[in-house]
C-alpha atoms as a PDB file:
ATOM      1  CA  MET A   1      23.242 -55.400  52.780  1.00  0.00           C
ATOM      2  CA  LYS A   2      21.819 -52.485  50.817  1.00  0.00           C
ATOM      3  CA  LEU A   3      23.348 -52.269  47.358  1.00  0.00           C
ATOM      4  CA  VAL A   4      23.316 -49.158  45.197  1.00  0.00           C
ATOM      5  CA  THR A   5      24.503 -48.111  41.791  1.00  0.00           C
ATOM      6  CA  PHE A   6      26.158 -44.720  41.954  1.00  0.00           C
ATOM      7  CA  GLU A   7      27.788 -42.438  39.443  1.00  0.00           C
ATOM      8  CA  LEU A   8      31.073 -40.746  40.186  1.00  0.00           C
ATOM      9  CA  LYS A   9      33.077 -38.849  37.585  1.00  0.00           C
ATOM     10  CA  CYS A  10      30.808 -40.208  34.834  1.00  0.00           C
ATOM     11  CA  GLU A  11      31.453 -43.824  35.860  1.00  0.00           C
ATOM     12  CA  GLU A  12      28.872 -46.235  37.266  1.00  0.00           C
ATOM     13  CA  ARG A  13      29.917 -48.316  40.262  1.00  0.00           C
ATOM     14  CA  VAL A  14      28.282 -50.629  42.766  1.00  0.00           C
ATOM     15  CA  GLY A  15      28.286 -49.549  46.381  1.00  0.00           C
ATOM     16  CA  CYS A  16      26.850 -50.396  49.746  1.00  0.00           C
ATOM     17  CA  LEU A  17      24.759 -48.037  51.861  1.00  0.00           C
ATOM     18  CA  ALA A  18      26.230 -47.981  55.346  1.00  0.00           C
ATOM     19  CA  GLY A  19      25.995 -44.455  56.678  1.00  0.00           C
ATOM     20  CA  GLY A  20      27.668 -43.157  53.549  1.00  0.00           C
ATOM     21  CA  VAL A  21      28.182 -44.973  50.267  1.00  0.00           C
ATOM     22  CA  ILE A  22      30.940 -47.572  50.400  1.00  0.00           C
ATOM     23  CA  ASP A  23      32.750 -47.836  47.067  1.00  0.00           C
ATOM     24  CA  LEU A  24      32.953 -51.653  46.926  1.00  0.00           C
ATOM     25  CA  GLY A  25      35.368 -51.785  44.005  1.00  0.00           C
ATOM     26  CA  ARG A  26      37.938 -49.586  45.689  1.00  0.00           C
ATOM     27  CA  ALA A  27      37.393 -51.307  49.023  1.00  0.00           C
ATOM     28  CA  TYR A  28      37.898 -54.717  47.393  1.00  0.00           C
ATOM     29  CA  ARG A  29      41.278 -53.680  45.988  1.00  0.00           C
ATOM     30  CA  LEU A  30      42.413 -52.495  49.430  1.00  0.00           C
ATOM     31  CA  PHE A  31      41.030 -55.671  51.008  1.00  0.00           C
ATOM     32  CA  CYS A  32      42.994 -57.927  48.634  1.00  0.00           C
ATOM     33  CA  ARG A  33      46.164 -55.913  49.190  1.00  0.00           C
ATOM     34  CA  ALA A  34      45.824 -56.096  52.965  1.00  0.00           C
ATOM     35  CA  ARG A  35      45.059 -59.842  52.916  1.00  0.00           C
ATOM     36  CA  GLY A  36      47.732 -60.691  50.368  1.00  0.00           C
ATOM     37  CA  ARG A  37      45.169 -62.049  47.935  1.00  0.00           C
ATOM     38  CA  ASP A  38      45.070 -61.824  44.164  1.00  0.00           C
ATOM     39  CA  GLU A  39      42.185 -59.793  42.849  1.00  0.00           C
ATOM     40  CA  SER A  40      39.541 -61.754  40.980  1.00  0.00           C
ATOM     41  CA  ALA A  41      38.590 -60.102  37.683  1.00  0.00           C
ATOM     42  CA  ALA A  42      35.120 -61.659  37.933  1.00  0.00           C
ATOM     43  CA  ILE A  43      34.526 -60.236  41.404  1.00  0.00           C
ATOM     44  CA  GLN A  44      35.915 -56.828  40.462  1.00  0.00           C
ATOM     45  CA  ALA A  45      33.499 -56.773  37.525  1.00  0.00           C
ATOM     46  CA  CYS A  46      30.656 -57.302  40.002  1.00  0.00           C
ATOM     47  CA  PHE A  47      31.568 -54.038  41.693  1.00  0.00           C
ATOM     48  CA  ASP A  48      31.244 -52.193  38.382  1.00  0.00           C
ATOM     49  CA  ASP A  49      27.843 -53.522  37.318  1.00  0.00           C
ATOM     50  CA  MET A  50      24.802 -54.463  39.398  1.00  0.00           C
ATOM     51  CA  ILE A  51      23.581 -57.198  37.072  1.00  0.00           C
ATOM     52  CA  ALA A  52      27.011 -58.845  37.213  1.00  0.00           C
ATOM     53  CA  PHE A  53      26.860 -58.627  41.015  1.00  0.00           C
ATOM     54  CA  LEU A  54      23.387 -60.153  41.236  1.00  0.00           C
ATOM     55  CA  GLY A  55      24.332 -62.951  38.858  1.00  0.00           C
ATOM     56  CA  ASN A  56      27.500 -63.998  40.704  1.00  0.00           C
ATOM     57  CA  GLU A  57      26.822 -66.422  43.560  1.00  0.00           C
ATOM     58  CA  HIS A  58      30.011 -65.374  45.365  1.00  0.00           C
ATOM     59  CA  ALA A  59      29.677 -61.589  45.099  1.00  0.00           C
ATOM     60  CA  ALA A  60      27.504 -61.015  48.179  1.00  0.00           C
ATOM     61  CA  VAL A  61      29.750 -63.135  50.406  1.00  0.00           C
ATOM     62  CA  VAL A  62      32.865 -61.293  49.228  1.00  0.00           C
ATOM     63  CA  ALA A  63      31.117 -57.934  49.629  1.00  0.00           C
ATOM     64  CA  GLU A  64      30.233 -58.749  53.247  1.00  0.00           C
ATOM     65  CA  GLU A  65      33.879 -59.644  53.948  1.00  0.00           C
ATOM     66  CA  VAL A  66      34.992 -56.403  52.339  1.00  0.00           C
ATOM     67  CA  VAL A  67      32.538 -54.284  54.321  1.00  0.00           C
ATOM     68  CA  ASP A  68      33.615 -55.943  57.595  1.00  0.00           C
ATOM     69  CA  PHE A  69      37.223 -55.162  56.670  1.00  0.00           C
ATOM     70  CA  VAL A  70      36.341 -51.530  55.943  1.00  0.00           C
ATOM     71  CA  PHE A  71      34.638 -50.973  59.288  1.00  0.00           C
ATOM     72  CA  ASP A  72      37.482 -52.629  61.192  1.00  0.00           C
ATOM     73  CA  ASP A  73      39.901 -49.902  60.055  1.00  0.00           C
ATOM     74  CA  PRO A  74      38.850 -46.229  60.292  1.00  0.00           C
ATOM     75  CA  ARG A  75      41.609 -45.237  57.856  1.00  0.00           C
ATOM     76  CA  VAL A  76      40.235 -47.553  55.178  1.00  0.00           C
ATOM     77  CA  LEU A  77      36.696 -46.364  55.907  1.00  0.00           C
ATOM     78  CA  ARG A  78      37.731 -42.776  55.238  1.00  0.00           C
ATOM     79  CA  ARG A  79      39.280 -43.782  51.901  1.00  0.00           C
ATOM     80  CA  VAL A  80      36.290 -45.697  50.530  1.00  0.00           C
ATOM     81  CA  SER A  81      33.274 -43.986  52.119  1.00  0.00           C
ATOM     82  CA  LEU A  82      31.586 -41.326  50.010  1.00  0.00           C
ATOM     83  CA  ASP A  83      29.137 -38.676  51.101  1.00  0.00           C
ATOM     84  CA  PRO A  84      25.792 -39.374  49.376  1.00  0.00           C
ATOM     85  CA  GLU A  85      25.694 -35.664  48.494  1.00  0.00           C
ATOM     86  CA  ASP A  86      28.852 -36.106  46.407  1.00  0.00           C
ATOM     87  CA  VAL A  87      27.582 -38.949  44.228  1.00  0.00           C
ATOM     88  CA  ARG A  88      24.535 -39.514  42.078  1.00  0.00           C
ATOM     89  CA  LEU A  89      22.498 -42.542  43.071  1.00  0.00           C
ATOM     90  CA  LYS A  90      20.943 -44.171  40.035  1.00  0.00           C
ATOM     91  CA  ALA A  91      18.247 -46.815  39.814  1.00  0.00           C
ATOM     92  CA  PRO A  92      19.996 -49.737  41.566  1.00  0.00           C
ATOM     93  CA  VAL A  93      19.596 -51.776  38.380  1.00  0.00           C
ATOM     94  CA  PRO A  94      19.962 -48.902  35.882  1.00  0.00           C
ATOM     95  CA  ARG A  95      19.091 -50.996  32.822  1.00  0.00           C
ATOM     96  CA  PRO A  96      16.961 -53.942  33.950  1.00  0.00           C
ATOM     97  CA  PRO A  97      16.315 -56.512  31.203  1.00  0.00           C
ATOM     98  CA  LYS A  98      12.651 -56.202  32.162  1.00  0.00           C
ATOM     99  CA  ALA A  99      10.816 -53.853  34.497  1.00  0.00           C
ATOM    100  CA  MET A 100       7.164 -54.664  35.057  1.00  0.00           C
ATOM    101  CA  ILE A 101       4.253 -53.938  37.307  1.00  0.00           C
ATOM    102  CA  CYS A 102       1.769 -56.608  38.381  1.00  0.00           C
ATOM    103  CA  GLY A 103      -1.659 -56.731  39.909  1.00  0.00           C
ATOM    104  CA  PRO A 104      -4.251 -56.267  41.151  1.00  0.00           C
ATOM    105  CA  SER A 105      -2.580 -57.815  44.171  1.00  0.00           C
ATOM    106  CA  TRP A 106      -4.119 -56.231  47.267  1.00  0.00           C
ATOM    107  CA  SER A 107      -7.141 -57.302  49.309  1.00  0.00           C
ATOM    108  CA  SER A 108      -8.907 -53.983  48.658  1.00  0.00           C
ATOM    109  CA  TYR A 109      -9.408 -55.125  45.050  1.00  0.00           C
ATOM    110  CA  VAL A 110     -11.401 -58.198  46.075  1.00  0.00           C
ATOM    111  CA  LYS A 111     -15.092 -57.468  45.522  1.00  0.00           C
ATOM    112  CA  GLU A 112     -17.831 -59.871  46.653  1.00  0.00           C
ATOM    113  CA  GLY A 113     -15.233 -62.585  47.068  1.00  0.00           C
ATOM    114  CA  ARG A 114     -13.996 -62.295  43.488  1.00  0.00           C
ATOM    115  CA  VAL A 115     -10.294 -61.766  42.847  1.00  0.00           C
ATOM    116  CA  PRO A 116      -9.591 -59.716  39.688  1.00  0.00           C
ATOM    117  CA  GLU A 117      -7.554 -61.204  36.877  1.00  0.00           C
ATOM    118  CA  PHE A 118      -3.800 -61.043  37.569  1.00  0.00           C
ATOM    119  CA  ILE A 119      -2.002 -59.075  34.844  1.00  0.00           C
ATOM    120  CA  PHE A 120       1.394 -57.500  34.294  1.00  0.00           C
ATOM    121  CA  VAL A 121       2.557 -54.617  32.143  1.00  0.00           C
ATOM    122  CA  LEU A 122       6.122 -54.118  30.944  1.00  0.00           C
ATOM    123  CA  LYS A 123       7.702 -50.702  31.383  1.00  0.00           C
ATOM    124  CA  PRO A 124      10.102 -49.633  28.601  1.00  0.00           C
ATOM    125  CA  PRO A 125      13.774 -48.921  29.379  1.00  0.00           C
ATOM    126  CA  THR A 126      13.179 -45.182  28.876  1.00  0.00           C
ATOM    127  CA  ALA A 127      10.715 -45.232  31.773  1.00  0.00           C
ATOM    128  CA  VAL A 128      13.370 -46.173  34.349  1.00  0.00           C
ATOM    129  CA  VAL A 129      14.795 -43.413  36.552  1.00  0.00           C
ATOM    130  CA  GLY A 130      16.354 -43.367  40.005  1.00  0.00           C
ATOM    131  CA  PRO A 131      16.382 -41.461  43.291  1.00  0.00           C
ATOM    132  CA  GLU A 132      16.089 -37.664  43.061  1.00  0.00           C
ATOM    133  CA  ASP A 133      15.485 -37.804  39.302  1.00  0.00           C
ATOM    134  CA  ASP A 134      12.613 -35.714  37.997  1.00  0.00           C
ATOM    135  CA  ILE A 135       9.485 -37.520  36.821  1.00  0.00           C
ATOM    136  CA  VAL A 136       8.135 -35.733  33.765  1.00  0.00           C
ATOM    137  CA  ILE A 137       4.401 -35.191  33.340  1.00  0.00           C
ATOM    138  CA  PRO A 138       3.813 -35.514  29.576  1.00  0.00           C
ATOM    139  CA  ARG A 139       1.952 -32.867  27.647  1.00  0.00           C
ATOM    140  CA  LYS A 140      -0.691 -35.349  26.541  1.00  0.00           C
ATOM    141  CA  ALA A 141      -1.248 -36.952  29.935  1.00  0.00           C
ATOM    142  CA  ARG A 142      -4.648 -36.133  31.432  1.00  0.00           C
ATOM    143  CA  GLN A 143      -4.169 -37.072  35.112  1.00  0.00           C
ATOM    144  CA  VAL A 144      -0.923 -38.511  36.421  1.00  0.00           C
ATOM    145  CA  ALA A 145      -0.859 -40.549  39.635  1.00  0.00           C
ATOM    146  CA  THR A 146       1.853 -42.061  41.781  1.00  0.00           C
ATOM    147  CA  GLU A 147       2.109 -45.289  43.794  1.00  0.00           C
ATOM    148  CA  VAL A 148       4.460 -46.888  46.318  1.00  0.00           C
ATOM    149  CA  GLU A 149       5.262 -50.517  45.562  1.00  0.00           C
ATOM    150  CA  LEU A 150       7.508 -53.283  46.819  1.00  0.00           C
ATOM    151  CA  ALA A 151       9.504 -54.692  43.913  1.00  0.00           C
ATOM    152  CA  ILE A 152      11.333 -57.995  43.526  1.00  0.00           C
ATOM    153  CA  VAL A 153      14.805 -58.026  41.966  1.00  0.00           C
ATOM    154  CA  VAL A 154      15.624 -61.272  40.198  1.00  0.00           C
ATOM    155  CA  GLY A 155      18.980 -62.931  40.821  1.00  0.00           C
ATOM    156  CA  LYS A 156      18.855 -66.384  39.239  1.00  0.00           C
ATOM    157  CA  PRO A 157      17.330 -66.755  35.755  1.00  0.00           C
ATOM    158  CA  GLY A 158      14.601 -69.293  35.108  1.00  0.00           C
ATOM    159  CA  ARG A 159      11.395 -70.330  33.377  1.00  0.00           C
ATOM    160  CA  TYR A 160       8.368 -72.224  34.715  1.00  0.00           C
ATOM    161  CA  ILE A 161       9.411 -71.651  38.309  1.00  0.00           C
ATOM    162  CA  GLY A 162       7.166 -73.171  40.970  1.00  0.00           C
ATOM    163  CA  GLN A 163       6.274 -71.159  44.059  1.00  0.00           C
ATOM    164  CA  GLU A 164       8.337 -73.577  46.150  1.00  0.00           C
ATOM    165  CA  GLN A 165      11.468 -72.682  44.160  1.00  0.00           C
ATOM    166  CA  ALA A 166      10.707 -68.973  43.713  1.00  0.00           C
ATOM    167  CA  TRP A 167      12.881 -67.733  46.565  1.00  0.00           C
ATOM    168  CA  ASP A 168      15.939 -69.314  44.940  1.00  0.00           C
ATOM    169  CA  HIS A 169      15.488 -66.807  42.114  1.00  0.00           C
ATOM    170  CA  ILE A 170      15.091 -63.668  44.242  1.00  0.00           C
ATOM    171  CA  ALA A 171      18.190 -61.545  44.861  1.00  0.00           C
ATOM    172  CA  GLY A 172      16.469 -58.880  46.904  1.00  0.00           C
ATOM    173  CA  PHE A 173      13.905 -56.118  47.000  1.00  0.00           C
ATOM    174  CA  THR A 174      13.637 -52.451  46.094  1.00  0.00           C
ATOM    175  CA  VAL A 175      11.089 -49.609  46.041  1.00  0.00           C
ATOM    176  CA  PHE A 176       9.150 -48.919  42.852  1.00  0.00           C
ATOM    177  CA  ASN A 177       7.161 -45.752  42.139  1.00  0.00           C
ATOM    178  CA  ASP A 178       4.742 -46.858  39.437  1.00  0.00           C
ATOM    179  CA  VAL A 179       3.543 -43.711  37.687  1.00  0.00           C
ATOM    180  CA  THR A 180       0.415 -43.820  35.543  1.00  0.00           C
ATOM    181  CA  ASP A 181      -1.799 -41.555  33.483  1.00  0.00           C
ATOM    182  CA  ILE A 182      -4.834 -42.833  35.375  1.00  0.00           C
ATOM    183  CA  ALA A 183      -7.371 -41.097  33.143  1.00  0.00           C
ATOM    184  CA  THR A 184      -6.066 -43.101  30.190  1.00  0.00           C
ATOM    185  CA  TYR A 185      -5.681 -46.263  32.252  1.00  0.00           C
ATOM    186  CA  ARG A 186      -9.344 -46.167  33.291  1.00  0.00           C
ATOM    187  CA  GLU A 187     -10.393 -46.686  29.701  1.00  0.00           C
ATOM    188  CA  ARG A 188      -9.727 -50.357  30.567  1.00  0.00           C
ATOM    189  CA  THR A 189      -8.399 -51.510  27.207  1.00  0.00           C
ATOM    190  CA  PRO A 190      -5.058 -53.295  26.656  1.00  0.00           C
ATOM    191  CA  ALA A 191      -3.821 -50.372  24.571  1.00  0.00           C
ATOM    192  CA  SER A 192      -4.770 -47.785  27.193  1.00  0.00           C
ATOM    193  CA  ALA A 193      -3.041 -49.733  29.983  1.00  0.00           C
ATOM    194  CA  ILE A 194       0.201 -49.891  28.015  1.00  0.00           C
ATOM    195  CA  ARG A 195       0.070 -46.245  26.972  1.00  0.00           C
ATOM    196  CA  ALA A 196      -0.810 -45.012  30.459  1.00  0.00           C
ATOM    197  CA  LYS A 197       2.198 -46.655  32.095  1.00  0.00           C
ATOM    198  CA  SER A 198       4.853 -46.374  29.386  1.00  0.00           C
ATOM    199  CA  TYR A 199       5.820 -42.699  29.301  1.00  0.00           C
ATOM    200  CA  ASP A 200       9.452 -41.733  29.859  1.00  0.00           C
ATOM    201  CA  THR A 201      10.381 -41.531  33.585  1.00  0.00           C
ATOM    202  CA  PHE A 202       7.223 -43.427  34.690  1.00  0.00           C
ATOM    203  CA  ALA A 203       9.201 -46.116  36.557  1.00  0.00           C
ATOM    204  CA  SER A 204      11.254 -44.732  39.406  1.00  0.00           C
ATOM    205  CA  ILE A 205      13.274 -47.420  41.196  1.00  0.00           C
ATOM    206  CA  GLY A 206      15.517 -47.232  44.258  1.00  0.00           C
ATOM    207  CA  PRO A 207      17.219 -46.167  46.368  1.00  0.00           C
ATOM    208  CA  CYS A 208      18.852 -49.575  46.783  1.00  0.00           C
ATOM    209  CA  VAL A 209      18.452 -53.326  46.531  1.00  0.00           C
ATOM    210  CA  THR A 210      18.163 -54.862  49.977  1.00  0.00           C
ATOM    211  CA  LEU A 211      19.351 -58.453  49.747  1.00  0.00           C
ATOM    212  CA  ARG A 212      16.609 -60.944  50.548  1.00  0.00           C
ATOM    213  CA  ASP A 213      18.106 -62.316  53.775  1.00  0.00           C
ATOM    214  CA  GLN A 214      18.220 -58.783  55.236  1.00  0.00           C
ATOM    215  CA  ILE A 215      14.421 -58.523  55.447  1.00  0.00           C
ATOM    216  CA  GLU A 216      13.021 -60.776  58.147  1.00  0.00           C
ATOM    217  CA  ASP A 217       9.500 -61.141  56.720  1.00  0.00           C
ATOM    218  CA  VAL A 218       8.735 -59.421  53.448  1.00  0.00           C
ATOM    219  CA  GLN A 219       5.062 -60.361  53.865  1.00  0.00           C
ATOM    220  CA  ASP A 220       4.823 -58.157  56.958  1.00  0.00           C
ATOM    221  CA  ILE A 221       6.404 -54.766  56.229  1.00  0.00           C
ATOM    222  CA  LEU A 222       4.988 -51.266  55.860  1.00  0.00           C
ATOM    223  CA  LEU A 223       4.775 -49.200  52.677  1.00  0.00           C
ATOM    224  CA  ARG A 224       4.253 -45.437  52.890  1.00  0.00           C
ATOM    225  CA  LEU A 225       3.751 -42.679  50.363  1.00  0.00           C
ATOM    226  CA  ARG A 226       4.198 -38.984  51.169  1.00  0.00           C
ATOM    227  CA  ILE A 227       3.460 -36.054  48.885  1.00  0.00           C
ATOM    228  CA  ASN A 228       5.062 -32.763  49.930  1.00  0.00           C
ATOM    229  CA  GLY A 229       5.663 -34.273  53.364  1.00  0.00           C
ATOM    230  CA  VAL A 230       2.050 -35.362  53.925  1.00  0.00           C
ATOM    231  CA  GLU A 231       1.444 -39.095  54.290  1.00  0.00           C
ATOM    232  CA  ARG A 232      -1.143 -40.303  51.779  1.00  0.00           C
ATOM    233  CA  ILE A 233      -0.679 -44.085  51.868  1.00  0.00           C
ATOM    234  CA  ARG A 234       0.241 -46.434  54.701  1.00  0.00           C
ATOM    235  CA  VAL A 235      -0.290 -50.112  54.047  1.00  0.00           C
ATOM    236  CA  SER A 236       1.229 -53.427  55.141  1.00  0.00           C
ATOM    237  CA  THR A 237       2.189 -56.290  52.848  1.00  0.00           C
ATOM    238  CA  THR A 238       0.050 -58.475  55.122  1.00  0.00           C
ATOM    239  CA  GLU A 239      -2.821 -57.085  53.013  1.00  0.00           C
ATOM    240  CA  MET A 240      -1.505 -58.521  49.746  1.00  0.00           C
ATOM    241  CA  ILE A 241      -3.604 -61.178  48.032  1.00  0.00           C
ATOM    242  CA  TYR A 242      -0.586 -63.093  46.796  1.00  0.00           C
ATOM    243  CA  PRO A 243       2.744 -64.003  48.389  1.00  0.00           C
ATOM    244  CA  VAL A 244       5.937 -62.765  46.757  1.00  0.00           C
ATOM    245  CA  SER A 245       6.574 -66.252  45.358  1.00  0.00           C
ATOM    246  CA  HIS A 246       3.399 -65.972  43.260  1.00  0.00           C
ATOM    247  CA  PHE A 247       4.836 -63.106  41.213  1.00  0.00           C
ATOM    248  CA  ILE A 248       7.959 -65.059  40.292  1.00  0.00           C
ATOM    249  CA  SER A 249       5.960 -68.156  39.428  1.00  0.00           C
ATOM    250  CA  SER A 250       3.249 -66.403  37.405  1.00  0.00           C
ATOM    251  CA  VAL A 251       5.552 -64.210  35.346  1.00  0.00           C
ATOM    252  CA  SER A 252       7.917 -67.114  34.603  1.00  0.00           C
ATOM    253  CA  GLU A 253       5.008 -69.048  33.069  1.00  0.00           C
ATOM    254  CA  VAL A 254       4.988 -66.449  30.292  1.00  0.00           C
ATOM    255  CA  MET A 255       8.589 -65.327  29.918  1.00  0.00           C
ATOM    256  CA  THR A 256      12.081 -66.276  31.018  1.00  0.00           C
ATOM    257  CA  LEU A 257      13.210 -64.345  34.066  1.00  0.00           C
ATOM    258  CA  GLN A 258      16.662 -62.809  33.732  1.00  0.00           C
ATOM    259  CA  THR A 259      19.144 -61.563  36.270  1.00  0.00           C
ATOM    260  CA  GLY A 260      18.291 -57.961  37.072  1.00  0.00           C
ATOM    261  CA  ASP A 261      14.603 -58.119  36.150  1.00  0.00           C
ATOM    262  CA  VAL A 262      12.476 -55.918  38.406  1.00  0.00           C
ATOM    263  CA  ILE A 263       8.954 -57.143  39.188  1.00  0.00           C
ATOM    264  CA  SER A 264       6.770 -54.721  41.114  1.00  0.00           C
ATOM    265  CA  THR A 265       3.938 -56.067  43.235  1.00  0.00           C
ATOM    266  CA  GLY A 266       1.354 -53.298  42.976  1.00  0.00           C
ATOM    267  CA  CYS A 267      -0.311 -50.853  45.321  1.00  0.00           C
ATOM    268  CA  PRO A 268      -3.870 -50.580  46.663  1.00  0.00           C
ATOM    269  CA  GLU A 269      -4.217 -46.925  45.655  1.00  0.00           C
ATOM    270  CA  ALA A 270      -2.895 -44.370  43.146  1.00  0.00           C
ATOM    271  CA  ILE A 271      -2.609 -40.750  44.288  1.00  0.00           C
ATOM    272  CA  PRO A 272      -2.923 -37.899  41.735  1.00  0.00           C
ATOM    273  CA  VAL A 273       0.014 -35.489  41.494  1.00  0.00           C
ATOM    274  CA  GLU A 274       0.675 -32.061  40.044  1.00  0.00           C
ATOM    275  CA  PRO A 275       3.837 -30.361  38.724  1.00  0.00           C
ATOM    276  CA  GLY A 276       6.111 -29.406  41.598  1.00  0.00           C
ATOM    277  CA  ASP A 277       4.957 -32.208  43.919  1.00  0.00           C
ATOM    278  CA  VAL A 278       7.722 -34.056  45.748  1.00  0.00           C
ATOM    279  CA  VAL A 279       6.907 -37.717  46.313  1.00  0.00           C
ATOM    280  CA  GLU A 280       8.595 -39.993  48.835  1.00  0.00           C
ATOM    281  CA  ALA A 281       7.876 -43.696  48.445  1.00  0.00           C
ATOM    282  CA  GLU A 282       9.126 -45.677  51.429  1.00  0.00           C
ATOM    283  CA  VAL A 283       9.304 -49.396  52.181  1.00  0.00           C
ATOM    284  CA  ASP A 284      10.523 -50.656  55.550  1.00  0.00           C
ATOM    285  CA  GLY A 285      13.908 -52.363  55.353  1.00  0.00           C
ATOM    286  CA  ILE A 286      14.734 -50.730  52.022  1.00  0.00           C
ATOM    287  CA  GLY A 287      14.486 -46.958  52.280  1.00  0.00           C
ATOM    288  CA  VAL A 288      12.967 -43.821  50.800  1.00  0.00           C
ATOM    289  CA  LEU A 289      12.711 -43.190  47.064  1.00  0.00           C
ATOM    290  CA  ARG A 290      12.317 -39.457  46.455  1.00  0.00           C
ATOM    291  CA  ASN A 291      11.327 -37.772  43.172  1.00  0.00           C
ATOM    292  CA  ARG A 292       9.901 -34.467  42.007  1.00  0.00           C
ATOM    293  CA  PHE A 293       7.197 -34.204  39.352  1.00  0.00           C
ATOM    294  CA  VAL A 294       7.795 -31.585  36.655  1.00  0.00           C
ATOM    295  CA  GLU A 295       6.027 -30.445  33.494  1.00  0.00           C
ATOM    296  CA  GLU A 296       7.393 -31.580  30.165  1.00  0.00           C
ATOM    297  CA  ALA A 297       9.414 -28.830  28.552  1.00  0.00           C
ATOM    298  CA  GLY A 298       8.381 -27.243  25.283  1.00  0.00           C
END
């Protein structure tokens, strides 16, 4: 199941990508009516807020029942299916408690058998944007670059999580476009790393969260990056230094993971961009995250 957060008439709702966007809240009400069931306030709340959905152990099961019900009746499908052109897709977790990028995590960074130190940088809430949102190149940025990354979305909270238990804490996966002022980043100081990655709009996330059981082998999927339609990156997660479980375990040694946290797993290359460039970051099994780079106004 591919979950999205969409905005319709100034309201955020949780939906499912299945051709169009299935409004899960509306579909759930019709489902309960047809089955003669009482609506659960807790489940209905899950269809209004992605973090509530990810934190409820029953939400995904109910959502699958609801979607099956929708596709069994064409009349219901017409009532709850929305054209993606008529809604605004937001970052699937619009306000993650934490959004961070990690690395270096790809084999291309290993030099003479030495693996670089594993670090992570937190992105501020103002950095998070979603599909089709503009990414703003700041006036003071010297050279902005874009990356395609596989990101983990946390479901179950925890601290000091071993790699053996890590998968119990993963809700699913999404695409992360980690934007950086690479000229500043290459100064290689803690302050420059934070500054380079923390500008507004420098963390595009989306288009959806694919639930973990929907991806057969997350350690063997393709990532692609296109700029103005031209492919610039094609890489497989088979080339990652660390398994996905390592990211959960390592980050949880430092801080408590919360439902809705987004942990991005890095990219082997950053590609410079200019104002007007349209970037498509794609991960197999998840989808295409599309954004346009624009100059900061003023």
